[in-house]
């Protein structure tokens, strides 16, 4: 019985496929061929454009020009118009010269992807693409965009020089994301031919978890080895203690929140800090789901780094010893992004 019930499934699938209109089937076949072709392209961050990877096709204006030339040619033959022949072949020669110039505008160019910078989830990833021209003549009206988007970035490349354009996209979530497939295009000089190339960069963009907008205060510190029980004292509801402000205290040690609430100017007690270790623990981030906990830990990492505190990070299967500084902050953010 189970086999008899499962047998109609392929027939049902095939019937659904045959019920689609012909243009939907053609679009689906075109997408499959396009995906197969793009997957065969090599992954590289530097792309040299040659006759092997530069393609050319007439635009709508080009097809209209071809139809106009055909009508002019037929009319000139029918009425034996010498000036008609002259105009027809003059326009055809201009179109042929424009085709060569358009193809040479892109051919010989080198595309180089700059290493993308990390960002937080929800932000816009910006990728810099350098256009390098080794030729002794300038190249005009070269655009770069994502494969399936029309947000073009246009640039002219000077002779023997280079230009930089920016392409933006929004990653879906945290983690490592490949840079989407790019395309470069030009229609210079007449707009009758479209010359383009497809490029698959090998670089990846690192996306950190989005920091929690209003995170709770930093968790209480844990006593250092040999610091005694007093190191666990916590009089202000924050990780480190406070003391009266003294002239010469750095501005980053002033508790501005307390000053805004009570008008009392106090500074953080760095000696109290030295008796404690601040651990940002995944298990102590609250009764939230995984992504929300990582978002809170990211906010805590940024807060602790802004206060120049030594802090450690504990995640399931990962433990980073307490330290401080930009390198430590980046290491913790990378672990939060890829865990």
C-alpha atoms as a PDB file:
ATOM      1  CA  UNK A   1       0.000   0.000   0.000  1.00  0.00           C
ATOM      2  CA  UNK A   2       2.649   2.626   0.774  1.00  0.00           C
ATOM      3  CA  UNK A   3       4.303   2.053  -2.579  1.00  0.00           C
ATOM      4  CA  UNK A   4       0.976   2.414  -4.395  1.00  0.00           C
ATOM      5  CA  UNK A   5       0.339   5.739  -2.677  1.00  0.00           C
ATOM      6  CA  UNK A   6       3.815   7.096  -3.388  1.00  0.00           C
ATOM      7  CA  UNK A   7       3.825   6.220  -7.107  1.00  0.00           C
ATOM      8  CA  UNK A   8       1.625   9.137  -8.332  1.00  0.00           C
ATOM      9  CA  UNK A   9       4.135  11.703  -7.037  1.00  0.00           C
ATOM     10  CA  UNK A  10       6.404  11.782 -10.139  1.00  0.00           C
ATOM     11  CA  UNK A  11       3.374  11.902 -12.407  1.00  0.00           C
ATOM     12  CA  UNK A  12       1.985  14.788 -10.400  1.00  0.00           C
ATOM     13  CA  UNK A  13       5.273  16.639 -10.647  1.00  0.00           C
ATOM     14  CA  UNK A  14       5.495  16.099 -14.391  1.00  0.00           C
ATOM     15  CA  UNK A  15       1.900  17.222 -14.848  1.00  0.00           C
ATOM     16  CA  UNK A  16       2.631  20.417 -12.951  1.00  0.00           C
ATOM     17  CA  UNK A  17       5.666  21.015 -15.165  1.00  0.00           C
ATOM     18  CA  UNK A  18       3.684  20.462 -18.355  1.00  0.00           C
ATOM     19  CA  UNK A  19       0.855  22.693 -17.134  1.00  0.00           C
ATOM     20  CA  UNK A  20       3.209  25.687 -17.049  1.00  0.00           C
ATOM     21  CA  UNK A  21       2.912  28.090 -19.999  1.00  0.00           C
ATOM     22  CA  UNK A  22       5.621  27.972 -22.634  1.00  0.00           C
ATOM     23  CA  UNK A  23       7.201  31.261 -21.603  1.00  0.00           C
ATOM     24  CA  UNK A  24       7.571  30.035 -17.999  1.00  0.00           C
ATOM     25  CA  UNK A  25       9.239  26.841 -19.222  1.00  0.00           C
ATOM     26  CA  UNK A  26      11.551  28.872 -21.422  1.00  0.00           C
ATOM     27  CA  UNK A  27      12.462  31.187 -18.524  1.00  0.00           C
ATOM     28  CA  UNK A  28      13.155  28.197 -16.270  1.00  0.00           C
ATOM     29  CA  UNK A  29      15.375  26.577 -18.914  1.00  0.00           C
ATOM     30  CA  UNK A  30      17.200  29.873 -19.413  1.00  0.00           C
ATOM     31  CA  UNK A  31      17.841  30.181 -15.664  1.00  0.00           C
ATOM     32  CA  UNK A  32      19.242  26.653 -15.521  1.00  0.00           C
ATOM     33  CA  UNK A  33      21.588  27.259 -18.441  1.00  0.00           C
ATOM     34  CA  UNK A  34      22.646  30.567 -16.930  1.00  0.00           C
ATOM     35  CA  UNK A  35      23.354  28.987 -13.513  1.00  0.00           C
ATOM     36  CA  UNK A  36      25.333  26.181 -15.163  1.00  0.00           C
ATOM     37  CA  UNK A  37      27.396  28.702 -17.096  1.00  0.00           C
ATOM     38  CA  UNK A  38      28.096  30.939 -14.087  1.00  0.00           C
ATOM     39  CA  UNK A  39      29.105  27.987 -11.911  1.00  0.00           C
ATOM     40  CA  UNK A  40      31.774  27.128 -14.471  1.00  0.00           C
ATOM     41  CA  UNK A  41      33.411  30.548 -14.104  1.00  0.00           C
ATOM     42  CA  UNK A  42      36.572  30.492 -11.957  1.00  0.00           C
ATOM     43  CA  UNK A  43      36.657  32.252  -8.589  1.00  0.00           C
ATOM     44  CA  UNK A  44      39.261  35.008  -8.612  1.00  0.00           C
ATOM     45  CA  UNK A  45      39.728  38.464  -7.119  1.00  0.00           C
ATOM     46  CA  UNK A  46      41.620  39.790 -10.152  1.00  0.00           C
ATOM     47  CA  UNK A  47      40.045  39.427 -13.583  1.00  0.00           C
ATOM     48  CA  UNK A  48      41.886  40.284 -16.805  1.00  0.00           C
ATOM     49  CA  UNK A  49      39.426  40.914 -19.632  1.00  0.00           C
ATOM     50  CA  UNK A  50      40.343  39.290 -22.930  1.00  0.00           C
ATOM     51  CA  UNK A  51      38.462  38.235 -26.034  1.00  0.00           C
ATOM     52  CA  UNK A  52      37.635  34.966 -24.243  1.00  0.00           C
ATOM     53  CA  UNK A  53      35.539  36.520 -21.471  1.00  0.00           C
ATOM     54  CA  UNK A  54      34.190  39.705 -23.090  1.00  0.00           C
ATOM     55  CA  UNK A  55      30.852  39.394 -24.906  1.00  0.00           C
ATOM     56  CA  UNK A  56      29.037  41.724 -27.286  1.00  0.00           C
ATOM     57  CA  UNK A  57      25.448  41.969 -28.493  1.00  0.00           C
ATOM     58  CA  UNK A  58      23.397  44.729 -30.161  1.00  0.00           C
ATOM     59  CA  UNK A  59      21.163  46.783 -27.931  1.00  0.00           C
ATOM     60  CA  UNK A  60      17.580  47.741 -28.779  1.00  0.00           C
ATOM     61  CA  UNK A  61      18.925  50.880 -30.382  1.00  0.00           C
ATOM     62  CA  UNK A  62      21.336  48.717 -32.360  1.00  0.00           C
ATOM     63  CA  UNK A  63      18.550  46.484 -33.673  1.00  0.00           C
ATOM     64  CA  UNK A  64      16.539  49.583 -34.608  1.00  0.00           C
ATOM     65  CA  UNK A  65      19.562  50.961 -36.448  1.00  0.00           C
ATOM     66  CA  UNK A  66      19.942  47.657 -38.323  1.00  0.00           C
ATOM     67  CA  UNK A  67      16.264  47.742 -39.335  1.00  0.00           C
ATOM     68  CA  UNK A  68      16.617  51.357 -40.475  1.00  0.00           C
ATOM     69  CA  UNK A  69      19.678  50.510 -42.568  1.00  0.00           C
ATOM     70  CA  UNK A  70      17.799  47.627 -44.162  1.00  0.00           C
ATOM     71  CA  UNK A  71      14.903  49.918 -45.116  1.00  0.00           C
ATOM     72  CA  UNK A  72      17.319  52.514 -46.502  1.00  0.00           C
ATOM     73  CA  UNK A  73      19.133  49.877 -48.533  1.00  0.00           C
ATOM     74  CA  UNK A  74      15.896  48.490 -50.019  1.00  0.00           C
ATOM     75  CA  UNK A  75      14.669  51.981 -50.850  1.00  0.00           C
ATOM     76  CA  UNK A  76      18.003  52.910 -52.451  1.00  0.00           C
ATOM     77  CA  UNK A  77      17.965  49.746 -54.591  1.00  0.00           C
ATOM     78  CA  UNK A  78      14.334  50.229 -55.570  1.00  0.00           C
ATOM     79  CA  UNK A  79      14.665  53.885 -56.566  1.00  0.00           C
ATOM     80  CA  UNK A  80      18.336  53.815 -57.611  1.00  0.00           C
ATOM     81  CA  UNK A  81      19.289  56.571 -55.166  1.00  0.00           C
ATOM     82  CA  UNK A  82      23.034  57.172 -55.113  1.00  0.00           C
ATOM     83  CA  UNK A  83      22.752  59.454 -52.093  1.00  0.00           C
ATOM     84  CA  UNK A  84      20.705  56.750 -50.418  1.00  0.00           C
ATOM     85  CA  UNK A  85      23.543  54.281 -50.974  1.00  0.00           C
ATOM     86  CA  UNK A  86      25.980  56.825 -49.566  1.00  0.00           C
ATOM     87  CA  UNK A  87      23.896  57.437 -46.455  1.00  0.00           C
ATOM     88  CA  UNK A  88      23.266  53.730 -45.893  1.00  0.00           C
ATOM     89  CA  UNK A  89      26.885  52.647 -46.120  1.00  0.00           C
ATOM     90  CA  UNK A  90      28.070  55.677 -44.154  1.00  0.00           C
ATOM     91  CA  UNK A  91      25.786  54.786 -41.256  1.00  0.00           C
ATOM     92  CA  UNK A  92      26.728  51.114 -41.525  1.00  0.00           C
ATOM     93  CA  UNK A  93      30.420  52.019 -41.406  1.00  0.00           C
ATOM     94  CA  UNK A  94      29.854  54.180 -38.322  1.00  0.00           C
ATOM     95  CA  UNK A  95      28.016  51.315 -36.620  1.00  0.00           C
ATOM     96  CA  UNK A  96      30.811  48.855 -37.463  1.00  0.00           C
ATOM     97  CA  UNK A  97      33.463  51.266 -36.161  1.00  0.00           C
ATOM     98  CA  UNK A  98      31.407  51.799 -32.997  1.00  0.00           C
ATOM     99  CA  UNK A  99      31.261  48.028 -32.484  1.00  0.00           C
ATOM    100  CA  UNK A 100      35.061  47.757 -32.601  1.00  0.00           C
ATOM    101  CA  UNK A 101      35.555  50.764 -30.310  1.00  0.00           C
ATOM    102  CA  UNK A 102      32.987  49.454 -27.828  1.00  0.00           C
ATOM    103  CA  UNK A 103      34.619  46.031 -27.647  1.00  0.00           C
ATOM    104  CA  UNK A 104      38.100  47.526 -27.257  1.00  0.00           C
ATOM    105  CA  UNK A 105      36.850  49.749 -24.437  1.00  0.00           C
ATOM    106  CA  UNK A 106      36.373  46.731 -22.193  1.00  0.00           C
ATOM    107  CA  UNK A 107      38.905  44.304 -23.642  1.00  0.00           C
ATOM    108  CA  UNK A 108      42.334  44.643 -22.044  1.00  0.00           C
ATOM    109  CA  UNK A 109      40.964  46.104 -18.803  1.00  0.00           C
ATOM    110  CA  UNK A 110      41.852  44.504 -15.438  1.00  0.00           C
ATOM    111  CA  UNK A 111      39.303  44.288 -12.612  1.00  0.00           C
ATOM    112  CA  UNK A 112      40.712  43.979  -9.103  1.00  0.00           C
ATOM    113  CA  UNK A 113      38.602  43.480  -5.994  1.00  0.00           C
ATOM    114  CA  UNK A 114      39.788  45.175  -2.815  1.00  0.00           C
ATOM    115  CA  UNK A 115      39.477  43.128   0.413  1.00  0.00           C
ATOM    116  CA  UNK A 116      35.971  43.829   1.786  1.00  0.00           C
ATOM    117  CA  UNK A 117      35.658  45.196   5.308  1.00  0.00           C
ATOM    118  CA  UNK A 118      33.651  43.345   7.994  1.00  0.00           C
ATOM    119  CA  UNK A 119      30.313  44.786   9.041  1.00  0.00           C
ATOM    120  CA  UNK A 120      27.451  44.147  11.436  1.00  0.00           C
ATOM    121  CA  UNK A 121      24.323  42.299  10.381  1.00  0.00           C
ATOM    122  CA  UNK A 122      21.713  44.570   8.852  1.00  0.00           C
ATOM    123  CA  UNK A 123      24.324  46.873   7.362  1.00  0.00           C
ATOM    124  CA  UNK A 124      25.249  47.431   3.747  1.00  0.00           C
ATOM    125  CA  UNK A 125      28.428  45.723   2.543  1.00  0.00           C
ATOM    126  CA  UNK A 126      30.429  47.959   0.222  1.00  0.00           C
ATOM    127  CA  UNK A 127      32.963  46.416  -2.138  1.00  0.00           C
ATOM    128  CA  UNK A 128      35.621  48.491  -3.915  1.00  0.00           C
ATOM    129  CA  UNK A 129      36.494  47.405  -7.454  1.00  0.00           C
ATOM    130  CA  UNK A 130      39.619  48.862  -9.018  1.00  0.00           C
ATOM    131  CA  UNK A 131      39.644  49.323 -12.811  1.00  0.00           C
ATOM    132  CA  UNK A 132      43.235  49.203 -14.108  1.00  0.00           C
ATOM    133  CA  UNK A 133      44.015  50.474 -17.587  1.00  0.00           C
ATOM    134  CA  UNK A 134      47.434  49.583 -19.022  1.00  0.00           C
ATOM    135  CA  UNK A 135      46.618  51.124 -22.393  1.00  0.00           C
ATOM    136  CA  UNK A 136      47.933  54.519 -23.529  1.00  0.00           C
ATOM    137  CA  UNK A 137      44.425  55.761 -24.335  1.00  0.00           C
ATOM    138  CA  UNK A 138      41.583  56.397 -21.858  1.00  0.00           C
ATOM    139  CA  UNK A 139      38.492  54.236 -21.504  1.00  0.00           C
ATOM    140  CA  UNK A 140      35.083  55.834 -21.057  1.00  0.00           C
ATOM    141  CA  UNK A 141      31.720  54.936 -19.520  1.00  0.00           C
ATOM    142  CA  UNK A 142      32.524  51.623 -17.825  1.00  0.00           C
ATOM    143  CA  UNK A 143      29.939  50.416 -15.317  1.00  0.00           C
ATOM    144  CA  UNK A 144      30.099  47.745 -12.598  1.00  0.00           C
ATOM    145  CA  UNK A 145      27.065  46.269 -10.822  1.00  0.00           C
ATOM    146  CA  UNK A 146      25.724  43.117  -9.240  1.00  0.00           C
ATOM    147  CA  UNK A 147      24.674  40.513 -11.751  1.00  0.00           C
ATOM    148  CA  UNK A 148      20.899  40.811 -11.297  1.00  0.00           C
ATOM    149  CA  UNK A 149      20.716  44.475 -10.260  1.00  0.00           C
ATOM    150  CA  UNK A 150      20.782  47.729 -12.176  1.00  0.00           C
ATOM    151  CA  UNK A 151      22.465  49.890  -9.519  1.00  0.00           C
ATOM    152  CA  UNK A 152      25.422  50.801 -11.700  1.00  0.00           C
ATOM    153  CA  UNK A 153      28.624  52.537 -10.660  1.00  0.00           C
ATOM    154  CA  UNK A 154      30.168  54.304 -13.654  1.00  0.00           C
ATOM    155  CA  UNK A 155      33.727  55.493 -14.138  1.00  0.00           C
ATOM    156  CA  UNK A 156      36.160  56.711 -16.778  1.00  0.00           C
ATOM    157  CA  UNK A 157      39.615  55.160 -16.593  1.00  0.00           C
ATOM    158  CA  UNK A 158      42.511  57.448 -17.598  1.00  0.00           C
ATOM    159  CA  UNK A 159      45.289  56.331 -19.897  1.00  0.00           C
ATOM    160  CA  UNK A 160      47.793  54.201 -18.011  1.00  0.00           C
ATOM    161  CA  UNK A 161      45.875  54.797 -14.780  1.00  0.00           C
ATOM    162  CA  UNK A 162      43.110  53.370 -12.664  1.00  0.00           C
ATOM    163  CA  UNK A 163      39.726  54.219 -11.197  1.00  0.00           C
ATOM    164  CA  UNK A 164      37.732  52.771  -8.320  1.00  0.00           C
ATOM    165  CA  UNK A 165      34.008  52.090  -8.200  1.00  0.00           C
ATOM    166  CA  UNK A 166      31.881  50.825  -5.311  1.00  0.00           C
ATOM    167  CA  UNK A 167      29.259  48.102  -5.369  1.00  0.00           C
ATOM    168  CA  UNK A 168      26.952  47.498  -2.393  1.00  0.00           C
ATOM    169  CA  UNK A 169      24.828  44.576  -1.257  1.00  0.00           C
ATOM    170  CA  UNK A 170      23.129  43.532   1.987  1.00  0.00           C
ATOM    171  CA  UNK A 171      24.051  40.132   3.461  1.00  0.00           C
ATOM    172  CA  UNK A 172      21.139  38.135   4.788  1.00  0.00           C
ATOM    173  CA  UNK A 173      22.597  37.226   8.201  1.00  0.00           C
ATOM    174  CA  UNK A 174      25.800  36.927  10.201  1.00  0.00           C
ATOM    175  CA  UNK A 175      28.671  34.728   9.069  1.00  0.00           C
ATOM    176  CA  UNK A 176      30.951  34.518   6.048  1.00  0.00           C
ATOM    177  CA  UNK A 177      29.246  35.496   2.807  1.00  0.00           C
ATOM    178  CA  UNK A 178      30.759  35.276  -0.679  1.00  0.00           C
ATOM    179  CA  UNK A 179      30.804  38.450  -2.719  1.00  0.00           C
ATOM    180  CA  UNK A 180      27.977  38.142  -5.282  1.00  0.00           C
ATOM    181  CA  UNK A 181      28.713  37.693  -8.960  1.00  0.00           C
ATOM    182  CA  UNK A 182      29.520  41.006 -10.636  1.00  0.00           C
ATOM    183  CA  UNK A 183      29.271  42.265 -14.176  1.00  0.00           C
ATOM    184  CA  UNK A 184      31.095  45.048 -15.995  1.00  0.00           C
ATOM    185  CA  UNK A 185      29.532  46.705 -19.008  1.00  0.00           C
ATOM    186  CA  UNK A 186      29.984  49.519 -21.486  1.00  0.00           C
ATOM    187  CA  UNK A 187      27.938  50.887 -24.400  1.00  0.00           C
ATOM    188  CA  UNK A 188      30.418  53.505 -25.466  1.00  0.00           C
ATOM    189  CA  UNK A 189      30.483  55.242 -27.927  1.00  0.00           C
ATOM    190  CA  UNK A 190      27.147  55.000 -29.800  1.00  0.00           C
ATOM    191  CA  UNK A 191      25.029  52.850 -27.492  1.00  0.00           C
ATOM    192  CA  UNK A 192      24.237  50.439 -30.327  1.00  0.00           C
ATOM    193  CA  UNK A 193      26.254  47.555 -28.834  1.00  0.00           C
ATOM    194  CA  UNK A 194      26.375  46.200 -25.304  1.00  0.00           C
ATOM    195  CA  UNK A 195      29.763  44.805 -24.264  1.00  0.00           C
ATOM    196  CA  UNK A 196      29.875  42.989 -20.945  1.00  0.00           C
ATOM    197  CA  UNK A 197      31.680  40.427 -18.822  1.00  0.00           C
ATOM    198  CA  UNK A 198      30.662  38.282 -15.840  1.00  0.00           C
ATOM    199  CA  UNK A 199      33.011  37.987 -12.871  1.00  0.00           C
ATOM    200  CA  UNK A 200      32.855  35.708  -9.807  1.00  0.00           C
ATOM    201  CA  UNK A 201      35.076  37.113  -7.009  1.00  0.00           C
ATOM    202  CA  UNK A 202      36.658  34.699  -4.547  1.00  0.00           C
ATOM    203  CA  UNK A 203      36.561  37.098  -1.580  1.00  0.00           C
ATOM    204  CA  UNK A 204      34.155  36.720   1.320  1.00  0.00           C
ATOM    205  CA  UNK A 205      32.574  39.299   3.602  1.00  0.00           C
ATOM    206  CA  UNK A 206      32.529  38.700   7.354  1.00  0.00           C
ATOM    207  CA  UNK A 207      29.259  39.785   8.977  1.00  0.00           C
ATOM    208  CA  UNK A 208      29.189  40.215  12.758  1.00  0.00           C
ATOM    209  CA  UNK A 209      25.987  39.707  14.762  1.00  0.00           C
ATOM    210  CA  UNK A 210      23.911  42.833  15.089  1.00  0.00           C
ATOM    211  CA  UNK A 211      24.504  44.395  18.550  1.00  0.00           C
ATOM    212  CA  UNK A 212      21.511  44.504  20.840  1.00  0.00           C
ATOM    213  CA  UNK A 213      20.188  48.101  20.818  1.00  0.00           C
ATOM    214  CA  UNK A 214      19.674  48.382  24.592  1.00  0.00           C
ATOM    215  CA  UNK A 215      21.675  45.616  26.280  1.00  0.00           C
ATOM    216  CA  UNK A 216      21.679  45.149  30.060  1.00  0.00           C
ATOM    217  CA  UNK A 217      24.674  46.134  32.158  1.00  0.00           C
ATOM    218  CA  UNK A 218      27.837  44.094  31.913  1.00  0.00           C
ATOM    219  CA  UNK A 219      27.725  40.904  33.996  1.00  0.00           C
ATOM    220  CA  UNK A 220      29.471  40.817  37.390  1.00  0.00           C
ATOM    221  CA  UNK A 221      33.168  40.047  37.426  1.00  0.00           C
ATOM    222  CA  UNK A 222      34.654  36.818  38.669  1.00  0.00           C
ATOM    223  CA  UNK A 223      37.418  36.935  41.309  1.00  0.00           C
ATOM    224  CA  UNK A 224      40.910  36.545  39.964  1.00  0.00           C
ATOM    225  CA  UNK A 225      43.057  33.789  41.339  1.00  0.00           C
ATOM    226  CA  UNK A 226      44.397  34.988  44.698  1.00  0.00           C
ATOM    227  CA  UNK A 227      42.273  38.141  44.717  1.00  0.00           C
ATOM    228  CA  UNK A 228      40.130  37.086  47.681  1.00  0.00           C
ATOM    229  CA  UNK A 229      36.429  37.416  48.270  1.00  0.00           C
ATOM    230  CA  UNK A 230      36.557  41.201  48.243  1.00  0.00           C
ATOM    231  CA  UNK A 231      37.121  41.152  44.535  1.00  0.00           C
ATOM    232  CA  UNK A 232      33.505  40.148  44.061  1.00  0.00           C
ATOM    233  CA  UNK A 233      32.143  43.311  45.642  1.00  0.00           C
ATOM    234  CA  UNK A 234      29.772  45.153  43.341  1.00  0.00           C
ATOM    235  CA  UNK A 235      28.289  48.322  44.785  1.00  0.00           C
ATOM    236  CA  UNK A 236      27.006  50.102  41.686  1.00  0.00           C
ATOM    237  CA  UNK A 237      25.275  47.380  39.691  1.00  0.00           C
ATOM    238  CA  UNK A 238      28.096  47.385  37.115  1.00  0.00           C
ATOM    239  CA  UNK A 239      31.151  45.214  36.638  1.00  0.00           C
ATOM    240  CA  UNK A 240      33.708  47.568  38.196  1.00  0.00           C
ATOM    241  CA  UNK A 241      33.419  49.767  41.292  1.00  0.00           C
ATOM    242  CA  UNK A 242      33.500  53.537  41.389  1.00  0.00           C
ATOM    243  CA  UNK A 243      35.210  56.209  43.421  1.00  0.00           C
ATOM    244  CA  UNK A 244      35.051  59.989  43.697  1.00  0.00           C
ATOM    245  CA  UNK A 245      36.337  61.820  40.652  1.00  0.00           C
ATOM    246  CA  UNK A 246      39.924  63.019  40.913  1.00  0.00           C
ATOM    247  CA  UNK A 247      41.567  65.692  38.813  1.00  0.00           C
ATOM    248  CA  UNK A 248      43.423  64.070  35.930  1.00  0.00           C
ATOM    249  CA  UNK A 249      41.171  61.008  35.593  1.00  0.00           C
ATOM    250  CA  UNK A 250      40.731  59.999  31.918  1.00  0.00           C
ATOM    251  CA  UNK A 251      37.343  60.889  30.482  1.00  0.00           C
ATOM    252  CA  UNK A 252      36.690  57.243  29.558  1.00  0.00           C
ATOM    253  CA  UNK A 253      36.731  56.305  33.268  1.00  0.00           C
ATOM    254  CA  UNK A 254      34.003  58.814  34.203  1.00  0.00           C
ATOM    255  CA  UNK A 255      30.584  57.188  34.796  1.00  0.00           C
ATOM    256  CA  UNK A 256      28.515  59.531  32.659  1.00  0.00           C
ATOM    257  CA  UNK A 257      25.282  57.606  33.242  1.00  0.00           C
ATOM    258  CA  UNK A 258      25.509  58.212  36.980  1.00  0.00           C
ATOM    259  CA  UNK A 259      26.338  61.879  36.389  1.00  0.00           C
ATOM    260  CA  UNK A 260      23.286  62.245  34.135  1.00  0.00           C
ATOM    261  CA  UNK A 261      20.981  60.668  36.745  1.00  0.00           C
ATOM    262  CA  UNK A 262      22.247  62.114  40.007  1.00  0.00           C
ATOM    263  CA  UNK A 263      24.701  64.868  39.037  1.00  0.00           C
ATOM    264  CA  UNK A 264      27.446  63.093  40.985  1.00  0.00           C
ATOM    265  CA  UNK A 265      30.786  62.944  39.182  1.00  0.00           C
ATOM    266  CA  UNK A 266      32.515  59.638  39.859  1.00  0.00           C
ATOM    267  CA  UNK A 267      35.188  57.557  38.126  1.00  0.00           C
ATOM    268  CA  UNK A 268      35.617  53.837  37.760  1.00  0.00           C
ATOM    269  CA  UNK A 269      37.887  52.196  40.314  1.00  0.00           C
ATOM    270  CA  UNK A 270      40.670  50.627  38.240  1.00  0.00           C
ATOM    271  CA  UNK A 271      42.149  48.927  41.309  1.00  0.00           C
ATOM    272  CA  UNK A 272      38.821  47.192  41.861  1.00  0.00           C
ATOM    273  CA  UNK A 273      38.912  46.152  38.214  1.00  0.00           C
ATOM    274  CA  UNK A 274      42.279  44.503  38.702  1.00  0.00           C
ATOM    275  CA  UNK A 275      40.828  42.192  41.357  1.00  0.00           C
ATOM    276  CA  UNK A 276      38.183  40.857  38.980  1.00  0.00           C
ATOM    277  CA  UNK A 277      37.950  39.128  35.638  1.00  0.00           C
ATOM    278  CA  UNK A 278      35.126  40.003  33.301  1.00  0.00           C
ATOM    279  CA  UNK A 279      33.774  36.987  31.419  1.00  0.00           C
ATOM    280  CA  UNK A 280      31.135  37.373  28.730  1.00  0.00           C
ATOM    281  CA  UNK A 281      29.479  33.978  28.916  1.00  0.00           C
ATOM    282  CA  UNK A 282      26.991  32.599  26.410  1.00  0.00           C
ATOM    283  CA  UNK A 283      25.247  30.705  29.206  1.00  0.00           C
ATOM    284  CA  UNK A 284      24.743  33.926  31.223  1.00  0.00           C
ATOM    285  CA  UNK A 285      23.390  36.035  28.367  1.00  0.00           C
ATOM    286  CA  UNK A 286      19.757  35.490  29.382  1.00  0.00           C
ATOM    287  CA  UNK A 287      16.891  33.189  28.435  1.00  0.00           C
ATOM    288  CA  UNK A 288      16.930  34.102  24.751  1.00  0.00           C
ATOM    289  CA  UNK A 289      17.359  32.245  21.505  1.00  0.00           C
ATOM    290  CA  UNK A 290      20.817  31.713  20.030  1.00  0.00           C
ATOM    291  CA  UNK A 291      20.868  34.728  17.732  1.00  0.00           C
ATOM    292  CA  UNK A 292      19.574  37.023  20.457  1.00  0.00           C
ATOM    293  CA  UNK A 293      22.274  35.812  22.843  1.00  0.00           C
ATOM    294  CA  UNK A 294      24.962  36.411  20.248  1.00  0.00           C
ATOM    295  CA  UNK A 295      23.525  39.879  19.657  1.00  0.00           C
ATOM    296  CA  UNK A 296      23.754  40.634  23.377  1.00  0.00           C
ATOM    297  CA  UNK A 297      27.300  39.284  23.607  1.00  0.00           C
ATOM    298  CA  UNK A 298      28.293  41.481  20.667  1.00  0.00           C
ATOM    299  CA  UNK A 299      26.912  44.545  22.440  1.00  0.00           C
ATOM    300  CA  UNK A 300      28.800  43.564  25.610  1.00  0.00           C
ATOM    301  CA  UNK A 301      32.044  43.116  23.664  1.00  0.00           C
ATOM    302  CA  UNK A 302      31.697  46.609  22.206  1.00  0.00           C
ATOM    303  CA  UNK A 303      30.799  48.088  25.615  1.00  0.00           C
ATOM    304  CA  UNK A 304      33.732  46.423  27.392  1.00  0.00           C
ATOM    305  CA  UNK A 305      36.127  47.488  24.646  1.00  0.00           C
ATOM    306  CA  UNK A 306      34.854  51.091  24.821  1.00  0.00           C
ATOM    307  CA  UNK A 307      35.672  51.063  28.565  1.00  0.00           C
ATOM    308  CA  UNK A 308      39.115  49.555  27.870  1.00  0.00           C
ATOM    309  CA  UNK A 309      38.375  46.579  30.127  1.00  0.00           C
ATOM    310  CA  UNK A 310      40.056  43.197  30.086  1.00  0.00           C
ATOM    311  CA  UNK A 311      37.359  40.690  29.195  1.00  0.00           C
ATOM    312  CA  UNK A 312      37.093  37.093  28.115  1.00  0.00           C
ATOM    313  CA  UNK A 313      34.522  35.327  25.972  1.00  0.00           C
ATOM    314  CA  UNK A 314      32.941  31.938  26.579  1.00  0.00           C
ATOM    315  CA  UNK A 315      30.945  30.184  23.893  1.00  0.00           C
ATOM    316  CA  UNK A 316      29.987  26.523  23.540  1.00  0.00           C
ATOM    317  CA  UNK A 317      33.279  24.850  22.688  1.00  0.00           C
ATOM    318  CA  UNK A 318      35.244  28.123  22.524  1.00  0.00           C
ATOM    319  CA  UNK A 319      36.939  30.132  25.272  1.00  0.00           C
ATOM    320  CA  UNK A 320      38.998  33.270  24.682  1.00  0.00           C
ATOM    321  CA  UNK A 321      41.154  34.386  27.609  1.00  0.00           C
ATOM    322  CA  UNK A 322      40.669  37.885  29.019  1.00  0.00           C
ATOM    323  CA  UNK A 323      42.552  40.621  27.201  1.00  0.00           C
ATOM    324  CA  UNK A 324      41.914  44.046  25.732  1.00  0.00           C
ATOM    325  CA  UNK A 325      42.685  46.078  22.649  1.00  0.00           C
ATOM    326  CA  UNK A 326      41.509  46.229  19.024  1.00  0.00           C
ATOM    327  CA  UNK A 327      42.994  42.830  18.107  1.00  0.00           C
ATOM    328  CA  UNK A 328      41.170  41.138  20.980  1.00  0.00           C
ATOM    329  CA  UNK A 329      37.898  42.866  20.072  1.00  0.00           C
ATOM    330  CA  UNK A 330      38.175  41.736  16.447  1.00  0.00           C
ATOM    331  CA  UNK A 331      38.970  38.177  17.500  1.00  0.00           C
ATOM    332  CA  UNK A 332      35.896  38.022  19.732  1.00  0.00           C
ATOM    333  CA  UNK A 333      33.664  39.496  17.003  1.00  0.00           C
ATOM    334  CA  UNK A 334      34.978  36.980  14.468  1.00  0.00           C
ATOM    335  CA  UNK A 335      34.189  34.083  16.804  1.00  0.00           C
ATOM    336  CA  UNK A 336      30.697  35.464  17.398  1.00  0.00           C
ATOM    337  CA  UNK A 337      30.151  35.778  13.645  1.00  0.00           C
ATOM    338  CA  UNK A 338      31.276  32.257  12.732  1.00  0.00           C
ATOM    339  CA  UNK A 339      30.236  30.157  15.730  1.00  0.00           C
END
